């Protein structure tokens, strides 16, 4: 299985209302220091409605980038009950998913 497929499949395990960091997702598929690679994989996500790449955020709780823009990402997160302030997740530790 290609690394992209492994990352997308693992990301599908993150439930609605939670986020995962780029680093946590990379470690979950066996990549060490693979945060940037995960970011590139998210950027190329061919199924953004199915594979919830908007749930992947930076380790400091910042929402990070999104192919359709940060405002879209913030709105998608808000629709799932995740609030942000100044592009950071409120109650980040409680919203963080760990594999």
Protein backbone atom coordinates (compact mmCIF):
# COMPACT_ATOMS: atom_id res chain seq x y z
CA UNK A 1 0.00 0.00 0.00
CA UNK A 2 1.33 3.44 -0.90
CA UNK A 3 2.14 5.87 1.88
CA UNK A 4 -0.65 8.21 0.72
CA UNK A 5 -3.19 5.43 1.04
CA UNK A 6 -1.91 4.51 4.52
CA UNK A 7 -2.16 8.15 5.66
CA UNK A 8 -5.69 8.60 4.26
CA UNK A 9 -6.85 5.29 5.76
CA UNK A 10 -5.43 6.22 9.19
CA UNK A 11 -6.99 9.69 9.02
CA UNK A 12 -10.42 8.11 8.53
CA UNK A 13 -10.12 6.86 12.13
CA UNK A 14 -10.22 10.42 13.51
CA UNK A 15 -13.80 10.97 14.65
CA UNK A 16 -15.91 14.04 14.04
CA UNK A 17 -15.23 16.67 16.69
CA UNK A 18 -11.53 15.83 17.03
CA UNK A 19 -8.30 16.83 15.32
CA UNK A 20 -4.94 15.14 14.90
CA UNK A 21 -1.55 16.74 14.44
CA UNK A 22 0.58 16.27 11.34
CA UNK A 23 3.24 14.66 13.55
CA UNK A 24 0.85 12.27 15.29
CA UNK A 25 -0.57 11.16 11.94
CA UNK A 26 2.90 10.64 10.49
CA UNK A 27 3.98 8.53 13.50
CA UNK A 28 0.76 6.51 13.29
CA UNK A 29 1.73 5.30 9.82
CA UNK A 30 5.36 4.65 10.75
CA UNK A 31 6.97 7.86 9.51
CA UNK A 32 9.36 9.58 11.90
CA UNK A 33 9.65 13.32 11.32
CA UNK A 34 7.16 12.95 8.49
CA UNK A 35 5.03 15.98 9.33
CA UNK A 36 5.89 17.82 6.12
CA UNK A 37 5.25 14.75 4.00
CA UNK A 38 1.83 14.37 5.65
CA UNK A 39 1.15 18.04 4.89
CA UNK A 40 1.96 17.47 1.22
CA UNK A 41 -0.25 14.38 1.15
CA UNK A 42 -3.12 16.37 2.69
CA UNK A 43 -2.64 19.11 0.11
CA UNK A 44 -3.09 16.55 -2.69
CA UNK A 45 -6.07 14.79 -1.08
CA UNK A 46 -8.27 13.74 -4.05
CA UNK A 47 -11.26 13.07 -1.78
CA UNK A 48 -11.49 16.03 0.67
CA UNK A 49 -15.17 15.38 1.40
CA UNK A 50 -14.52 11.72 2.28
CA UNK A 51 -11.02 11.94 3.78
CA UNK A 52 -11.25 14.67 6.43
CA UNK A 53 -7.94 16.46 5.88
CA UNK A 54 -9.39 19.55 7.57
CA UNK A 55 -8.96 17.66 10.87
CA UNK A 56 -5.17 17.70 10.59
CA UNK A 57 -3.57 20.60 12.48
CA UNK A 58 -0.22 21.82 13.75
CA UNK A 59 1.25 20.56 17.02
CA UNK A 60 0.78 23.95 18.70
CA UNK A 61 -2.96 23.92 18.06
CA UNK A 62 -2.81 26.23 15.03
CA UNK A 63 -5.11 25.12 12.27
CA UNK A 64 -2.42 25.19 9.57
CA UNK A 65 -3.09 25.36 5.89
CA UNK A 66 -5.88 24.03 3.76
CA UNK A 67 -6.16 23.70 -0.01
CA UNK A 68 -9.43 25.67 0.00
CA UNK A 69 -8.22 28.33 2.45
CA UNK A 70 -8.10 28.72 6.23
CA UNK A 71 -11.57 30.23 6.48
CA UNK A 72 -13.12 27.16 4.88
CA UNK A 73 -11.10 24.93 7.22
CA UNK A 74 -12.20 26.93 10.28
CA UNK A 75 -15.85 26.71 9.18
CA UNK A 76 -15.60 22.96 8.61
CA UNK A 77 -14.08 22.51 12.06
CA UNK A 78 -16.73 24.74 13.61
CA UNK A 79 -19.46 22.64 11.97
CA UNK A 80 -17.93 19.67 13.82
CA UNK A 81 -17.94 21.50 17.15
CA UNK A 82 -14.32 22.65 17.13
CA UNK A 83 -13.98 26.33 17.91
CA UNK A 84 -10.99 28.47 17.05
CA UNK A 85 -9.65 31.83 18.13
CA UNK A 86 -6.98 33.60 16.07
CA UNK A 87 -6.49 30.43 14.02
CA UNK A 88 -5.84 28.26 17.09
CA UNK A 89 -8.08 25.52 18.41
CA UNK A 90 -9.79 26.33 21.70
CA UNK A 91 -9.29 23.53 24.28
CA UNK A 92 -6.78 21.93 21.93
CA UNK A 93 -5.68 19.20 24.37
CA UNK A 94 -9.28 18.03 24.81
CA UNK A 95 -9.91 18.02 21.06
CA UNK A 96 -6.70 16.22 20.13
CA UNK A 97 -7.10 12.63 18.94
CA UNK A 98 -4.36 10.08 19.60
CA UNK A 99 -4.07 6.72 17.89
